[in-house]
């Protein structure tokens, strides 16, 4: 999964039907587990644009999107924010949401 900046995320949202953007902080143990789950998803859905970013470097974006906590997976469909996932229950759970 590659690191995205806010402009890269915005570009992917406009360019693709569906995108996923993983927000984390470096000292978050739950974020590390969530990242491993998303690495599996990345292999299962290789065409899904999936990026990640340290929330501390995103400026006002977390406030604009009303991010409540990390880890957070932002999912957009057709340019619209459709899902904010905070509970990364399992790989099958994430797969069902992202396989569209």
PDB file of N, CA and C in Angstrom:
ATOM      1  N   UNK A   1       0.861  -1.168   0.000  1.00  0.00           N
ATOM      2  CA  UNK A   1       0.000   0.000   0.000  1.00  0.00           C
ATOM      3  C   UNK A   1       0.905   1.229   0.000  1.00  0.00           C
ATOM      4  N   UNK A   2       0.622   2.133  -0.877  1.00  0.00           N
ATOM      5  CA  UNK A   2       1.496   3.304  -0.946  1.00  0.00           C
ATOM      6  C   UNK A   2       0.948   4.458  -0.105  1.00  0.00           C
ATOM      7  N   UNK A   3       1.873   5.294   0.342  1.00  0.00           N
ATOM      8  CA  UNK A   3       1.514   6.489   1.102  1.00  0.00           C
ATOM      9  C   UNK A   3       0.918   7.521   0.146  1.00  0.00           C
ATOM     10  N   UNK A   4      -0.206   8.095   0.541  1.00  0.00           N
ATOM     11  CA  UNK A   4      -0.848   9.146  -0.250  1.00  0.00           C
ATOM     12  C   UNK A   4      -0.848  10.449   0.520  1.00  0.00           C
ATOM     13  N   UNK A   5      -0.757  11.540  -0.210  1.00  0.00           N
ATOM     14  CA  UNK A   5      -0.992  12.868   0.349  1.00  0.00           C
ATOM     15  C   UNK A   5      -2.468  13.192   0.112  1.00  0.00           C
ATOM     16  N   UNK A   6      -2.926  14.287   0.681  1.00  0.00           N
ATOM     17  CA  UNK A   6      -4.316  14.684   0.455  1.00  0.00           C
ATOM     18  C   UNK A   6      -4.604  14.904  -1.033  1.00  0.00           C
ATOM     19  N   UNK A   7      -3.736  15.613  -1.778  1.00  0.00           N
ATOM     20  CA  UNK A   7      -4.010  15.776  -3.215  1.00  0.00           C
ATOM     21  C   UNK A   7      -4.049  14.446  -3.983  1.00  0.00           C
ATOM     22  N   UNK A   8      -3.212  13.491  -3.600  1.00  0.00           N
ATOM     23  CA  UNK A   8      -3.235  12.185  -4.267  1.00  0.00           C
ATOM     24  C   UNK A   8      -4.557  11.471  -4.000  1.00  0.00           C
ATOM     25  N   UNK A   9      -5.029  11.549  -2.763  1.00  0.00           N
ATOM     26  CA  UNK A   9      -6.314  10.935  -2.435  1.00  0.00           C
ATOM     27  C   UNK A   9      -7.430  11.585  -3.239  1.00  0.00           C
ATOM     28  N   UNK A  10      -7.451  12.904  -3.271  1.00  0.00           N
ATOM     29  CA  UNK A  10      -8.491  13.617  -4.011  1.00  0.00           C
ATOM     30  C   UNK A  10      -8.446  13.264  -5.498  1.00  0.00           C
ATOM     31  N   UNK A  11      -7.259  13.129  -6.056  1.00  0.00           N
ATOM     32  CA  UNK A  11      -7.120  12.756  -7.466  1.00  0.00           C
ATOM     33  C   UNK A  11      -7.675  11.353  -7.717  1.00  0.00           C
ATOM     34  N   UNK A  12      -7.362  10.409  -6.828  1.00  0.00           N
ATOM     35  CA  UNK A  12      -7.862   9.044  -6.982  1.00  0.00           C
ATOM     36  C   UNK A  12      -9.378   8.978  -6.847  1.00  0.00           C
ATOM     37  N   UNK A  13      -9.940   9.770  -5.951  1.00  0.00           N
ATOM     38  CA  UNK A  13     -11.395   9.809  -5.781  1.00  0.00           C
ATOM     39  C   UNK A  13     -12.066  10.246  -7.079  1.00  0.00           C
ATOM     40  N   UNK A  14     -11.487  11.241  -7.744  1.00  0.00           N
ATOM     41  CA  UNK A  14     -12.064  11.739  -8.994  1.00  0.00           C
ATOM     42  C   UNK A  14     -11.812  10.792 -10.170  1.00  0.00           C
ATOM     43  N   UNK A  15     -10.710  10.075 -10.128  1.00  0.00           N
ATOM     44  CA  UNK A  15     -10.286   9.259 -11.264  1.00  0.00           C
ATOM     45  C   UNK A  15     -10.925   7.870 -11.296  1.00  0.00           C
ATOM     46  N   UNK A  16     -11.225   7.292 -10.135  1.00  0.00           N
ATOM     47  CA  UNK A  16     -11.707   5.913 -10.070  1.00  0.00           C
ATOM     48  C   UNK A  16     -13.112   5.839  -9.486  1.00  0.00           C
ATOM     49  N   UNK A  17     -13.835   4.770  -9.854  1.00  0.00           N
ATOM     50  CA  UNK A  17     -15.188   4.572  -9.335  1.00  0.00           C
ATOM     51  C   UNK A  17     -15.181   4.359  -7.823  1.00  0.00           C
ATOM     52  N   UNK A  18     -14.199   3.608  -7.343  1.00  0.00           N
ATOM     53  CA  UNK A  18     -14.108   3.354  -5.907  1.00  0.00           C
ATOM     54  C   UNK A  18     -12.663   3.507  -5.457  1.00  0.00           C
ATOM     55  N   UNK A  19     -12.466   4.127  -4.297  1.00  0.00           N
ATOM     56  CA  UNK A  19     -11.141   4.230  -3.687  1.00  0.00           C
ATOM     57  C   UNK A  19     -11.263   3.970  -2.192  1.00  0.00           C
ATOM     58  N   UNK A  20     -10.149   3.593  -1.593  1.00  0.00           N
ATOM     59  CA  UNK A  20     -10.092   3.397  -0.149  1.00  0.00           C
ATOM     60  C   UNK A  20      -8.826   4.073   0.369  1.00  0.00           C
ATOM     61  N   UNK A  21      -8.972   4.785   1.475  1.00  0.00           N
ATOM     62  CA  UNK A  21      -7.882   5.577   2.047  1.00  0.00           C
ATOM     63  C   UNK A  21      -7.787   5.238   3.527  1.00  0.00           C
ATOM     64  N   UNK A  22      -6.678   4.614   3.917  1.00  0.00           N
ATOM     65  CA  UNK A  22      -6.462   4.150   5.283  1.00  0.00           C
ATOM     66  C   UNK A  22      -5.719   5.219   6.077  1.00  0.00           C
ATOM     67  N   UNK A  23      -6.317   5.660   7.170  1.00  0.00           N
ATOM     68  CA  UNK A  23      -5.707   6.668   8.039  1.00  0.00           C
ATOM     69  C   UNK A  23      -5.254   6.002   9.331  1.00  0.00           C
ATOM     70  N   UNK A  24      -4.052   6.339   9.753  1.00  0.00           N
ATOM     71  CA  UNK A  24      -3.457   5.703  10.925  1.00  0.00           C
ATOM     72  C   UNK A  24      -2.580   6.702  11.671  1.00  0.00           C
ATOM     73  N   UNK A  25      -2.099   6.287  12.830  1.00  0.00           N
ATOM     74  CA  UNK A  25      -1.025   6.993  13.530  1.00  0.00           C
ATOM     75  C   UNK A  25       0.077   5.965  13.804  1.00  0.00           C
ATOM     76  N   UNK A  26       1.326   6.415  13.876  1.00  0.00           N
ATOM     77  CA  UNK A  26       2.447   5.474  13.982  1.00  0.00           C
ATOM     78  C   UNK A  26       2.483   4.641  15.265  1.00  0.00           C
ATOM     79  N   UNK A  27       2.000   5.149  16.375  1.00  0.00           N
ATOM     80  CA  UNK A  27       2.100   4.430  17.645  1.00  0.00           C
ATOM     81  C   UNK A  27       0.837   3.636  17.978  1.00  0.00           C
ATOM     82  N   UNK A  28      -0.026   3.432  17.016  1.00  0.00           N
ATOM     83  CA  UNK A  28      -1.309   2.763  17.221  1.00  0.00           C
ATOM     84  C   UNK A  28      -1.182   1.277  16.887  1.00  0.00           C
ATOM     85  N   UNK A  29      -1.283   0.433  17.903  1.00  0.00           N
ATOM     86  CA  UNK A  29      -1.180  -1.005  17.684  1.00  0.00           C
ATOM     87  C   UNK A  29      -2.321  -1.556  16.849  1.00  0.00           C
ATOM     88  N   UNK A  30      -3.529  -1.059  17.077  1.00  0.00           N
ATOM     89  CA  UNK A  30      -4.683  -1.495  16.289  1.00  0.00           C
ATOM     90  C   UNK A  30      -4.502  -1.117  14.825  1.00  0.00           C
ATOM     91  N   UNK A  31      -3.868   0.020  14.582  1.00  0.00           N
ATOM     92  CA  UNK A  31      -3.604   0.453  13.204  1.00  0.00           C
ATOM     93  C   UNK A  31      -2.677  -0.527  12.496  1.00  0.00           C
ATOM     94  N   UNK A  32      -1.698  -1.046  13.216  1.00  0.00           N
ATOM     95  CA  UNK A  32      -0.765  -2.005  12.619  1.00  0.00           C
ATOM     96  C   UNK A  32      -1.484  -3.283  12.202  1.00  0.00           C
ATOM     97  N   UNK A  33      -2.389  -3.763  13.058  1.00  0.00           N
ATOM     98  CA  UNK A  33      -3.165  -4.960  12.733  1.00  0.00           C
ATOM     99  C   UNK A  33      -4.066  -4.682  11.532  1.00  0.00           C
ATOM    100  N   UNK A  34      -4.696  -3.518  11.520  1.00  0.00           N
ATOM    101  CA  UNK A  34      -5.579  -3.134  10.412  1.00  0.00           C
ATOM    102  C   UNK A  34      -4.808  -3.039   9.103  1.00  0.00           C
ATOM    103  N   UNK A  35      -3.599  -2.521   9.167  1.00  0.00           N
ATOM    104  CA  UNK A  35      -2.771  -2.416   7.966  1.00  0.00           C
ATOM    105  C   UNK A  35      -2.475  -3.801   7.390  1.00  0.00           C
ATOM    106  N   UNK A  36      -2.195  -4.765   8.255  1.00  0.00           N
ATOM    107  CA  UNK A  36      -1.934  -6.140   7.794  1.00  0.00           C
ATOM    108  C   UNK A  36      -3.170  -6.704   7.089  1.00  0.00           C
ATOM    109  N   UNK A  37      -4.350  -6.421   7.637  1.00  0.00           N
ATOM    110  CA  UNK A  37      -5.589  -6.890   7.016  1.00  0.00           C
ATOM    111  C   UNK A  37      -5.756  -6.262   5.632  1.00  0.00           C
ATOM    112  N   UNK A  38      -5.445  -4.985   5.525  1.00  0.00           N
ATOM    113  CA  UNK A  38      -5.581  -4.296   4.243  1.00  0.00           C
ATOM    114  C   UNK A  38      -4.551  -4.773   3.226  1.00  0.00           C
ATOM    115  N   UNK A  39      -3.407  -5.249   3.686  1.00  0.00           N
ATOM    116  CA  UNK A  39      -2.425  -5.822   2.765  1.00  0.00           C
ATOM    117  C   UNK A  39      -2.985  -7.081   2.107  1.00  0.00           C
ATOM    118  N   UNK A  40      -3.772  -7.849   2.856  1.00  0.00           N
ATOM    119  CA  UNK A  40      -4.438  -9.025   2.285  1.00  0.00           C
ATOM    120  C   UNK A  40      -5.489  -8.574   1.272  1.00  0.00           C
ATOM    121  N   UNK A  41      -6.274  -7.564   1.635  1.00  0.00           N
ATOM    122  CA  UNK A  41      -7.297  -7.020   0.730  1.00  0.00           C
ATOM    123  C   UNK A  41      -6.648  -6.524  -0.562  1.00  0.00           C
ATOM    124  N   UNK A  42      -5.507  -5.900  -0.432  1.00  0.00           N
ATOM    125  CA  UNK A  42      -4.796  -5.376  -1.601  1.00  0.00           C
ATOM    126  C   UNK A  42      -4.441  -6.501  -2.581  1.00  0.00           C
ATOM    127  N   UNK A  43      -4.110  -7.668  -2.050  1.00  0.00           N
ATOM    128  CA  UNK A  43      -3.803  -8.815  -2.909  1.00  0.00           C
ATOM    129  C   UNK A  43      -5.078  -9.405  -3.521  1.00  0.00           C
ATOM    130  N   UNK A  44      -6.173  -9.383  -2.763  1.00  0.00           N
ATOM    131  CA  UNK A  44      -7.439  -9.921  -3.257  1.00  0.00           C
ATOM    132  C   UNK A  44      -8.100  -9.003  -4.281  1.00  0.00           C
ATOM    133  N   UNK A  45      -7.910  -7.696  -4.122  1.00  0.00           N
ATOM    134  CA  UNK A  45      -8.527  -6.696  -5.003  1.00  0.00           C
ATOM    135  C   UNK A  45      -7.437  -5.798  -5.592  1.00  0.00           C
ATOM    136  N   UNK A  46      -6.621  -6.333  -6.492  1.00  0.00           N
ATOM    137  CA  UNK A  46      -5.469  -5.567  -6.988  1.00  0.00           C
ATOM    138  C   UNK A  46      -5.836  -4.315  -7.786  1.00  0.00           C
ATOM    139  N   UNK A  47      -7.053  -4.232  -8.291  1.00  0.00           N
ATOM    140  CA  UNK A  47      -7.454  -3.059  -9.076  1.00  0.00           C
ATOM    141  C   UNK A  47      -8.033  -1.932  -8.225  1.00  0.00           C
ATOM    142  N   UNK A  48      -8.233  -2.185  -6.938  1.00  0.00           N
ATOM    143  CA  UNK A  48      -8.780  -1.157  -6.049  1.00  0.00           C
ATOM    144  C   UNK A  48      -7.688  -0.155  -5.679  1.00  0.00           C
ATOM    145  N   UNK A  49      -7.875   1.126  -5.987  1.00  0.00           N
ATOM    146  CA  UNK A  49      -6.914   2.129  -5.522  1.00  0.00           C
ATOM    147  C   UNK A  49      -6.990   2.224  -3.989  1.00  0.00           C
ATOM    148  N   UNK A  50      -5.908   1.857  -3.337  1.00  0.00           N
ATOM    149  CA  UNK A  50      -5.874   1.801  -1.880  1.00  0.00           C
ATOM    150  C   UNK A  50      -4.607   2.490  -1.402  1.00  0.00           C
ATOM    151  N   UNK A  51      -4.783   3.581  -0.675  1.00  0.00           N
ATOM    152  CA  UNK A  51      -3.645   4.326  -0.159  1.00  0.00           C
ATOM    153  C   UNK A  51      -3.735   4.466   1.347  1.00  0.00           C
ATOM    154  N   UNK A  52      -2.663   4.977   1.925  1.00  0.00           N
ATOM    155  CA  UNK A  52      -2.630   5.163   3.374  1.00  0.00           C
ATOM    156  C   UNK A  52      -1.910   6.452   3.708  1.00  0.00           C
ATOM    157  N   UNK A  53      -2.217   6.995   4.888  1.00  0.00           N
ATOM    158  CA  UNK A  53      -1.550   8.218   5.322  1.00  0.00           C
ATOM    159  C   UNK A  53      -1.577   8.317   6.837  1.00  0.00           C
ATOM    160  N   UNK A  54      -0.492   8.870   7.356  1.00  0.00           N
ATOM    161  CA  UNK A  54      -0.429   9.217   8.769  1.00  0.00           C
ATOM    162  C   UNK A  54      -1.350  10.419   8.960  1.00  0.00           C
ATOM    163  N   UNK A  55      -2.361  10.273   9.772  1.00  0.00           N
ATOM    164  CA  UNK A  55      -3.368  11.319   9.948  1.00  0.00           C
ATOM    165  C   UNK A  55      -2.752  12.628  10.456  1.00  0.00           C
ATOM    166  N   UNK A  56      -1.614  12.539  11.123  1.00  0.00           N
ATOM    167  CA  UNK A  56      -0.962  13.736  11.659  1.00  0.00           C
ATOM    168  C   UNK A  56      -0.437  14.677  10.574  1.00  0.00           C
ATOM    169  N   UNK A  57      -0.300  14.173   9.349  1.00  0.00           N
ATOM    170  CA  UNK A  57       0.251  14.982   8.259  1.00  0.00           C
ATOM    171  C   UNK A  57      -0.790  15.390   7.218  1.00  0.00           C
ATOM    172  N   UNK A  58      -2.057  15.262   7.549  1.00  0.00           N
ATOM    173  CA  UNK A  58      -3.106  15.565   6.576  1.00  0.00           C
ATOM    174  C   UNK A  58      -3.775  16.921   6.786  1.00  0.00           C
ATOM    175  N   UNK A  59      -3.220  17.743   7.643  1.00  0.00           N
ATOM    176  CA  UNK A  59      -3.780  19.085   7.828  1.00  0.00           C
ATOM    177  C   UNK A  59      -5.224  19.052   8.299  1.00  0.00           C
ATOM    178  N   UNK A  60      -6.093  19.779   7.596  1.00  0.00           N
ATOM    179  CA  UNK A  60      -7.496  19.899   7.998  1.00  0.00           C
ATOM    180  C   UNK A  60      -8.384  18.776   7.478  1.00  0.00           C
ATOM    181  N   UNK A  61      -7.866  17.911   6.629  1.00  0.00           N
ATOM    182  CA  UNK A  61      -8.700  16.861   6.044  1.00  0.00           C
ATOM    183  C   UNK A  61      -9.435  16.017   7.088  1.00  0.00           C
ATOM    184  N   UNK A  62      -8.775  15.562   8.158  1.00  0.00           N
ATOM    185  CA  UNK A  62      -9.514  14.773   9.154  1.00  0.00           C
ATOM    186  C   UNK A  62     -10.687  15.541   9.777  1.00  0.00           C
ATOM    187  N   UNK A  63     -10.535  16.850   9.940  1.00  0.00           N
ATOM    188  CA  UNK A  63     -11.627  17.661  10.483  1.00  0.00           C
ATOM    189  C   UNK A  63     -12.744  17.809   9.460  1.00  0.00           C
ATOM    190  N   UNK A  64     -12.370  18.015   8.203  1.00  0.00           N
ATOM    191  CA  UNK A  64     -13.363  18.156   7.137  1.00  0.00           C
ATOM    192  C   UNK A  64     -14.176  16.876   6.968  1.00  0.00           C
ATOM    193  N   UNK A  65     -13.514  15.729   7.099  1.00  0.00           N
ATOM    194  CA  UNK A  65     -14.196  14.444   6.939  1.00  0.00           C
ATOM    195  C   UNK A  65     -14.804  13.930   8.243  1.00  0.00           C
ATOM    196  N   UNK A  66     -14.599  14.693   9.315  1.00  0.00           N
ATOM    197  CA  UNK A  66     -15.125  14.327  10.639  1.00  0.00           C
ATOM    198  C   UNK A  66     -14.639  12.940  11.082  1.00  0.00           C
ATOM    199  N   UNK A  67     -13.334  12.733  10.951  1.00  0.00           N
ATOM    200  CA  UNK A  67     -12.730  11.478  11.388  1.00  0.00           C
ATOM    201  C   UNK A  67     -12.750  11.452  12.911  1.00  0.00           C
ATOM    202  N   UNK A  68     -13.291  10.381  13.472  1.00  0.00           N
ATOM    203  CA  UNK A  68     -13.470  10.285  14.919  1.00  0.00           C
ATOM    204  C   UNK A  68     -12.311   9.601  15.627  1.00  0.00           C
ATOM    205  N   UNK A  69     -11.656   8.656  14.947  1.00  0.00           N
ATOM    206  CA  UNK A  69     -10.538   7.946  15.567  1.00  0.00           C
ATOM    207  C   UNK A  69      -9.767   7.194  14.485  1.00  0.00           C
ATOM    208  N   UNK A  70      -8.648   6.633  14.888  1.00  0.00           N
ATOM    209  CA  UNK A  70      -7.884   5.764  14.001  1.00  0.00           C
ATOM    210  C   UNK A  70      -7.813   4.386  14.644  1.00  0.00           C
ATOM    211  N   UNK A  71      -7.699   3.359  13.848  1.00  0.00           N
ATOM    212  CA  UNK A  71      -7.629   3.368  12.395  1.00  0.00           C
ATOM    213  C   UNK A  71      -8.971   3.732  11.768  1.00  0.00           C
ATOM    214  N   UNK A  72      -8.890   4.288  10.569  1.00  0.00           N
ATOM    215  CA  UNK A  72     -10.095   4.638   9.823  1.00  0.00           C
ATOM    216  C   UNK A  72      -9.855   4.344   8.348  1.00  0.00           C
ATOM    217  N   UNK A  73     -10.801   3.674   7.746  1.00  0.00           N
ATOM    218  CA  UNK A  73     -10.750   3.423   6.304  1.00  0.00           C
ATOM    219  C   UNK A  73     -11.867   4.230   5.659  1.00  0.00           C
ATOM    220  N   UNK A  74     -11.474   5.179   4.822  1.00  0.00           N
ATOM    221  CA  UNK A  74     -12.434   6.014   4.108  1.00  0.00           C
ATOM    222  C   UNK A  74     -12.674   5.365   2.749  1.00  0.00           C
ATOM    223  N   UNK A  75     -13.929   5.108   2.445  1.00  0.00           N
ATOM    224  CA  UNK A  75     -14.285   4.501   1.167  1.00  0.00           C
ATOM    225  C   UNK A  75     -15.114   5.507   0.380  1.00  0.00           C
ATOM    226  N   UNK A  76     -14.746   5.702  -0.871  1.00  0.00           N
ATOM    227  CA  UNK A  76     -15.529   6.591  -1.731  1.00  0.00           C
ATOM    228  C   UNK A  76     -15.984   5.824  -2.965  1.00  0.00           C
ATOM    229  N   UNK A  77     -17.204   6.105  -3.374  1.00  0.00           N
ATOM    230  CA  UNK A  77     -17.776   5.526  -4.584  1.00  0.00           C
ATOM    231  C   UNK A  77     -18.249   6.658  -5.471  1.00  0.00           C
ATOM    232  N   UNK A  78     -17.781   6.652  -6.714  1.00  0.00           N
ATOM    233  CA  UNK A  78     -18.178   7.668  -7.694  1.00  0.00           C
ATOM    234  C   UNK A  78     -17.995   9.087  -7.166  1.00  0.00           C
ATOM    235  N   UNK A  79     -16.882   9.321  -6.490  1.00  0.00           N
ATOM    236  CA  UNK A  79     -16.550  10.655  -6.012  1.00  0.00           C
ATOM    237  C   UNK A  79     -17.200  11.062  -4.709  1.00  0.00           C
ATOM    238  N   UNK A  80     -18.041  10.206  -4.134  1.00  0.00           N
ATOM    239  CA  UNK A  80     -18.732  10.518  -2.882  1.00  0.00           C
ATOM    240  C   UNK A  80     -18.224   9.623  -1.756  1.00  0.00           C
ATOM    241  N   UNK A  81     -18.027  10.210  -0.589  1.00  0.00           N
ATOM    242  CA  UNK A  81     -17.649   9.436   0.589  1.00  0.00           C
ATOM    243  C   UNK A  81     -18.834   8.559   0.973  1.00  0.00           C
ATOM    244  N   UNK A  82     -18.645   7.251   0.980  1.00  0.00           N
ATOM    245  CA  UNK A  82     -19.756   6.345   1.265  1.00  0.00           C
ATOM    246  C   UNK A  82     -19.596   5.573   2.565  1.00  0.00           C
ATOM    247  N   UNK A  83     -18.390   5.501   3.091  1.00  0.00           N
ATOM    248  CA  UNK A  83     -18.187   4.697   4.283  1.00  0.00           C
ATOM    249  C   UNK A  83     -16.950   5.154   5.042  1.00  0.00           C
ATOM    250  N   UNK A  84     -17.065   5.170   6.353  1.00  0.00           N
ATOM    251  CA  UNK A  84     -15.911   5.367   7.236  1.00  0.00           C
ATOM    252  C   UNK A  84     -15.907   4.171   8.177  1.00  0.00           C
ATOM    253  N   UNK A  85     -14.904   3.341   8.036  1.00  0.00           N
ATOM    254  CA  UNK A  85     -14.833   2.120   8.834  1.00  0.00           C
ATOM    255  C   UNK A  85     -13.809   2.315   9.943  1.00  0.00           C
ATOM    256  N   UNK A  86     -14.261   2.112  11.164  1.00  0.00           N
ATOM    257  CA  UNK A  86     -13.374   2.210  12.323  1.00  0.00           C
ATOM    258  C   UNK A  86     -13.095   0.827  12.917  1.00  0.00           C
ATOM    259  N   UNK A  87     -14.050  -0.082  12.795  1.00  0.00           N
ATOM    260  CA  UNK A  87     -13.900  -1.438  13.332  1.00  0.00           C
ATOM    261  C   UNK A  87     -13.534  -2.382  12.192  1.00  0.00           C
ATOM    262  N   UNK A  88     -12.280  -2.746  12.120  1.00  0.00           N
ATOM    263  CA  UNK A  88     -11.782  -3.648  11.086  1.00  0.00           C
ATOM    264  C   UNK A  88     -11.999  -5.074  11.602  1.00  0.00           C
ATOM    265  N   UNK A  89     -13.206  -5.554  11.487  1.00  0.00           N
ATOM    266  CA  UNK A  89     -13.598  -6.811  12.123  1.00  0.00           C
ATOM    267  C   UNK A  89     -12.816  -8.016  11.612  1.00  0.00           C
ATOM    268  N   UNK A  90     -12.714  -8.126  10.291  1.00  0.00           N
ATOM    269  CA  UNK A  90     -12.022  -9.271   9.691  1.00  0.00           C
ATOM    270  C   UNK A  90     -11.738  -8.961   8.228  1.00  0.00           C
ATOM    271  N   UNK A  91     -10.893  -9.763   7.627  1.00  0.00           N
ATOM    272  CA  UNK A  91     -10.620  -9.601   6.198  1.00  0.00           C
ATOM    273  C   UNK A  91     -11.890  -9.853   5.385  1.00  0.00           C
ATOM    274  N   UNK A  92     -12.676 -10.914   5.674  1.00  0.00           N
ATOM    275  CA  UNK A  92     -13.915 -11.106   4.907  1.00  0.00           C
ATOM    276  C   UNK A  92     -14.887  -9.920   5.034  1.00  0.00           C
ATOM    277  N   UNK A  93     -14.964  -9.319   6.214  1.00  0.00           N
ATOM    278  CA  UNK A  93     -15.818  -8.141   6.418  1.00  0.00           C
ATOM    279  C   UNK A  93     -15.381  -7.000   5.499  1.00  0.00           C
ATOM    280  N   UNK A  94     -14.093  -6.714   5.470  1.00  0.00           N
ATOM    281  CA  UNK A  94     -13.570  -5.645   4.614  1.00  0.00           C
ATOM    282  C   UNK A  94     -13.743  -5.987   3.136  1.00  0.00           C
ATOM    283  N   UNK A  95     -13.525  -7.241   2.804  1.00  0.00           N
ATOM    284  CA  UNK A  95     -13.657  -7.678   1.415  1.00  0.00           C
ATOM    285  C   UNK A  95     -15.080  -7.446   0.905  1.00  0.00           C
ATOM    286  N   UNK A  96     -16.069  -7.794   1.713  1.00  0.00           N
ATOM    287  CA  UNK A  96     -17.472  -7.616   1.309  1.00  0.00           C
ATOM    288  C   UNK A  96     -17.796  -6.148   1.042  1.00  0.00           C
ATOM    289  N   UNK A  97     -17.229  -5.258   1.811  1.00  0.00           N
ATOM    290  CA  UNK A  97     -17.479  -3.828   1.621  1.00  0.00           C
ATOM    291  C   UNK A  97     -16.778  -3.309   0.369  1.00  0.00           C
ATOM    292  N   UNK A  98     -15.579  -3.795   0.114  1.00  0.00           N
ATOM    293  CA  UNK A  98     -14.740  -3.227  -0.946  1.00  0.00           C
ATOM    294  C   UNK A  98     -14.822  -3.942  -2.296  1.00  0.00           C
ATOM    295  N   UNK A  99     -15.479  -5.066  -2.385  1.00  0.00           N
ATOM    296  CA  UNK A  99     -15.472  -5.834  -3.639  1.00  0.00           C
ATOM    297  C   UNK A  99     -16.380  -5.263  -4.720  1.00  0.00           C
ATOM    298  N   UNK A 100     -17.102  -4.197  -4.441  1.00  0.00           N
ATOM    299  CA  UNK A 100     -18.060  -3.604  -5.391  1.00  0.00           C
ATOM    300  C   UNK A 100     -17.416  -3.246  -6.699  1.00  0.00           C
TER     301      UNK A 100
END
